[in-house]
Amino acid sequence: MFSAFISLMLLILVLPYGASAQEPEDSRATTELSCSFSMEKGDTAQPCQVPFPQGCLVASIPGTKQPWTTISKAGRLQCRFDERETDWKTKIVGSCGQCQTVRCSAHFSVRFDCSAPH
């Protein structure tokens, strides 16, 4: 018991007063918005537009210049962000092919950086 007390006191003396963890300089909070839908076998989904918050930019995957996006899907379905309809500055549209199983669903999500005036 006494040795644990001594160890704790030494730890307190070794740590500088006011020491705290710091976030990396490039760390920014992000906001995530998405678009989802479901369909039945044989259906082809209509385009799914992810809302674009005013005054925000699409965030990049940390350490890259790639847009920070995720496509989740259930069922046998091919999905992607539509290259013709998406400009990544004002409009983001997801699209999928025909549902090949009893039911399918898709979820397109995009992270936005709204931390600084743009």
C-alpha atoms as a PDB file:
ATOM      1  CA  MET A   1       0.000   0.000   0.000  1.00  0.00           C
ATOM      2  CA  PHE A   2       2.782   2.416   0.963  1.00  0.00           C
ATOM      3  CA  SER A   3       4.785   1.575  -2.188  1.00  0.00           C
ATOM      4  CA  ALA A   4       1.735   2.302  -4.391  1.00  0.00           C
ATOM      5  CA  PHE A   5       1.409   5.704  -2.692  1.00  0.00           C
ATOM      6  CA  ILE A   6       5.110   6.460  -3.314  1.00  0.00           C
ATOM      7  CA  SER A   7       4.748   5.410  -6.991  1.00  0.00           C
ATOM      8  CA  LEU A   8       1.744   7.689  -7.424  1.00  0.00           C
ATOM      9  CA  MET A   9       3.586  10.636  -5.842  1.00  0.00           C
ATOM     10  CA  LEU A  10       6.616  10.088  -8.096  1.00  0.00           C
ATOM     11  CA  LEU A  11       4.342   9.991 -11.148  1.00  0.00           C
ATOM     12  CA  ILE A  12       2.717  13.270 -10.119  1.00  0.00           C
ATOM     13  CA  LEU A  13       6.135  14.898  -9.598  1.00  0.00           C
ATOM     14  CA  VAL A  14       7.445  13.693 -12.971  1.00  0.00           C
ATOM     15  CA  LEU A  15       4.472  14.987 -15.011  1.00  0.00           C
ATOM     16  CA  PRO A  16       4.789  18.687 -15.830  1.00  0.00           C
ATOM     17  CA  TYR A  17       2.088  20.909 -14.388  1.00  0.00           C
ATOM     18  CA  GLY A  18      -0.684  21.579 -16.905  1.00  0.00           C
ATOM     19  CA  ALA A  19       0.451  18.836 -19.305  1.00  0.00           C
ATOM     20  CA  SER A  20      -2.250  17.726 -21.719  1.00  0.00           C
ATOM     21  CA  ALA A  21      -2.610  15.871 -25.000  1.00  0.00           C
ATOM     22  CA  GLN A  22      -2.705  18.007 -28.114  1.00  0.00           C
ATOM     23  CA  GLU A  23      -4.597  17.308 -31.304  1.00  0.00           C
ATOM     24  CA  PRO A  24      -2.639  17.241 -34.570  1.00  0.00           C
ATOM     25  CA  GLU A  25      -2.631  20.615 -36.325  1.00  0.00           C
ATOM     26  CA  ASP A  26      -4.521  19.279 -39.348  1.00  0.00           C
ATOM     27  CA  SER A  27      -7.291  17.733 -37.228  1.00  0.00           C
ATOM     28  CA  ARG A  28     -10.716  19.216 -38.030  1.00  0.00           C
ATOM     29  CA  ALA A  29     -14.225  18.373 -37.016  1.00  0.00           C
ATOM     30  CA  THR A  30     -16.390  17.021 -39.805  1.00  0.00           C
ATOM     31  CA  THR A  31     -20.106  16.818 -40.467  1.00  0.00           C
ATOM     32  CA  GLU A  32     -21.529  13.771 -42.204  1.00  0.00           C
ATOM     33  CA  LEU A  33     -24.604  13.863 -44.435  1.00  0.00           C
ATOM     34  CA  SER A  34     -26.086  10.971 -46.352  1.00  0.00           C
ATOM     35  CA  CYS A  35     -28.723   9.636 -48.701  1.00  0.00           C
ATOM     36  CA  SER A  36     -30.298   6.168 -48.424  1.00  0.00           C
ATOM     37  CA  PHE A  37     -32.890   4.032 -50.193  1.00  0.00           C
ATOM     38  CA  SER A  38     -34.136   0.477 -50.498  1.00  0.00           C
ATOM     39  CA  MET A  39     -35.651  -1.472 -53.377  1.00  0.00           C
ATOM     40  CA  GLU A  40     -36.858  -4.913 -54.398  1.00  0.00           C
ATOM     41  CA  LYS A  41     -35.540  -7.439 -56.905  1.00  0.00           C
ATOM     42  CA  GLY A  42     -35.462  -6.100 -60.452  1.00  0.00           C
ATOM     43  CA  ASP A  43     -35.840  -2.453 -59.404  1.00  0.00           C
ATOM     44  CA  THR A  44     -33.331   0.151 -60.510  1.00  0.00           C
ATOM     45  CA  ALA A  45     -32.913   3.009 -58.051  1.00  0.00           C
ATOM     46  CA  GLN A  46     -33.420   6.644 -58.889  1.00  0.00           C
ATOM     47  CA  PRO A  47     -30.381   8.900 -58.300  1.00  0.00           C
ATOM     48  CA  CYS A  48     -29.774   9.640 -54.620  1.00  0.00           C
ATOM     49  CA  GLN A  49     -28.536  13.190 -53.929  1.00  0.00           C
ATOM     50  CA  VAL A  50     -26.497  13.793 -50.763  1.00  0.00           C
ATOM     51  CA  PRO A  51     -27.416  17.200 -49.274  1.00  0.00           C
ATOM     52  CA  PHE A  52     -24.612  19.768 -49.549  1.00  0.00           C
ATOM     53  CA  PRO A  53     -24.427  22.089 -46.519  1.00  0.00           C
ATOM     54  CA  GLN A  54     -23.969  25.766 -47.371  1.00  0.00           C
ATOM     55  CA  GLY A  55     -20.521  27.130 -46.543  1.00  0.00           C
ATOM     56  CA  CYS A  56     -18.878  23.705 -46.340  1.00  0.00           C
ATOM     57  CA  LEU A  57     -16.366  21.775 -48.430  1.00  0.00           C
ATOM     58  CA  VAL A  58     -16.139  18.029 -48.957  1.00  0.00           C
ATOM     59  CA  ALA A  59     -13.557  16.796 -46.441  1.00  0.00           C
ATOM     60  CA  SER A  60     -10.587  14.759 -47.650  1.00  0.00           C
ATOM     61  CA  ILE A  61      -9.620  11.392 -46.226  1.00  0.00           C
ATOM     62  CA  PRO A  62      -6.837  12.262 -43.740  1.00  0.00           C
ATOM     63  CA  GLY A  63      -3.456  12.137 -45.469  1.00  0.00           C
ATOM     64  CA  THR A  64      -4.956  12.145 -48.986  1.00  0.00           C
ATOM     65  CA  LYS A  65      -6.753  14.418 -51.420  1.00  0.00           C
ATOM     66  CA  GLN A  66      -9.562  11.888 -51.964  1.00  0.00           C
ATOM     67  CA  PRO A  67     -13.120  12.856 -50.938  1.00  0.00           C
ATOM     68  CA  TRP A  68     -14.086  11.316 -47.570  1.00  0.00           C
ATOM     69  CA  THR A  69     -17.012   9.122 -48.601  1.00  0.00           C
ATOM     70  CA  THR A  70     -18.559   5.766 -47.816  1.00  0.00           C
ATOM     71  CA  ILE A  71     -20.965   3.579 -49.757  1.00  0.00           C
ATOM     72  CA  SER A  72     -22.692   0.848 -47.741  1.00  0.00           C
ATOM     73  CA  LYS A  73     -25.023  -1.590 -49.426  1.00  0.00           C
ATOM     74  CA  ALA A  74     -27.017  -4.728 -48.727  1.00  0.00           C
ATOM     75  CA  GLY A  75     -28.060  -7.295 -51.294  1.00  0.00           C
ATOM     76  CA  ARG A  76     -26.496  -7.917 -54.681  1.00  0.00           C
ATOM     77  CA  LEU A  77     -26.148  -4.396 -55.991  1.00  0.00           C
ATOM     78  CA  GLN A  78     -23.506  -2.259 -57.718  1.00  0.00           C
ATOM     79  CA  CYS A  79     -23.308   1.355 -56.460  1.00  0.00           C
ATOM     80  CA  ARG A  80     -21.052   4.365 -57.060  1.00  0.00           C
ATOM     81  CA  PHE A  81     -20.961   8.139 -56.979  1.00  0.00           C
ATOM     82  CA  ASP A  82     -22.130   9.343 -60.403  1.00  0.00           C
ATOM     83  CA  GLU A  83     -19.131  10.985 -62.109  1.00  0.00           C
ATOM     84  CA  ARG A  84     -21.309  12.932 -64.578  1.00  0.00           C
ATOM     85  CA  GLU A  85     -23.688  14.360 -61.969  1.00  0.00           C
ATOM     86  CA  THR A  86     -21.210  14.912 -59.109  1.00  0.00           C
ATOM     87  CA  ASP A  87     -18.925  17.955 -59.052  1.00  0.00           C
ATOM     88  CA  TRP A  88     -17.877  17.640 -55.318  1.00  0.00           C
ATOM     89  CA  LYS A  89     -18.374  21.415 -54.875  1.00  0.00           C
ATOM     90  CA  THR A  90     -22.161  21.845 -55.040  1.00  0.00           C
ATOM     91  CA  LYS A  91     -23.692  18.489 -55.985  1.00  0.00           C
ATOM     92  CA  ILE A  92     -23.086  14.870 -54.978  1.00  0.00           C
ATOM     93  CA  VAL A  93     -25.186  12.085 -56.504  1.00  0.00           C
ATOM     94  CA  GLY A  94     -25.041   8.354 -55.832  1.00  0.00           C
ATOM     95  CA  SER A  95     -26.453   5.765 -58.198  1.00  0.00           C
ATOM     96  CA  CYS A  96     -26.916   2.008 -58.261  1.00  0.00           C
ATOM     97  CA  GLY A  97     -27.702  -0.621 -60.833  1.00  0.00           C
ATOM     98  CA  GLN A  98     -30.495  -3.161 -60.704  1.00  0.00           C
ATOM     99  CA  CYS A  99     -31.230  -5.065 -57.468  1.00  0.00           C
ATOM    100  CA  GLN A 100     -30.303  -8.737 -57.984  1.00  0.00           C
ATOM    101  CA  THR A 101     -31.663 -10.156 -54.696  1.00  0.00           C
ATOM    102  CA  VAL A 102     -35.065 -10.139 -52.946  1.00  0.00           C
ATOM    103  CA  ARG A 103     -34.286  -6.757 -51.337  1.00  0.00           C
ATOM    104  CA  CYS A 104     -31.415  -4.297 -51.632  1.00  0.00           C
ATOM    105  CA  SER A 105     -30.462  -1.077 -49.897  1.00  0.00           C
ATOM    106  CA  ALA A 106     -27.778   1.550 -50.327  1.00  0.00           C
ATOM    107  CA  HIS A 107     -26.397   4.305 -48.125  1.00  0.00           C
ATOM    108  CA  PHE A 108     -24.139   7.049 -49.534  1.00  0.00           C
ATOM    109  CA  SER A 109     -22.389   9.197 -46.931  1.00  0.00           C
ATOM    110  CA  VAL A 110     -20.052  12.163 -47.338  1.00  0.00           C
ATOM    111  CA  ARG A 111     -18.050  14.052 -44.712  1.00  0.00           C
ATOM    112  CA  PHE A 112     -17.915  17.830 -44.914  1.00  0.00           C
ATOM    113  CA  ASP A 113     -15.527  20.355 -43.366  1.00  0.00           C
ATOM    114  CA  CYS A 114     -17.582  23.302 -42.136  1.00  0.00           C
ATOM    115  CA  SER A 115     -14.980  24.609 -39.670  1.00  0.00           C
ATOM    116  CA  ALA A 116     -13.645  27.611 -41.584  1.00  0.00           C
ATOM    117  CA  PRO A 117     -15.231  30.260 -43.777  1.00  0.00           C
ATOM    118  CA  HIS A 118     -14.850  29.226 -47.448  1.00  0.00           C
END
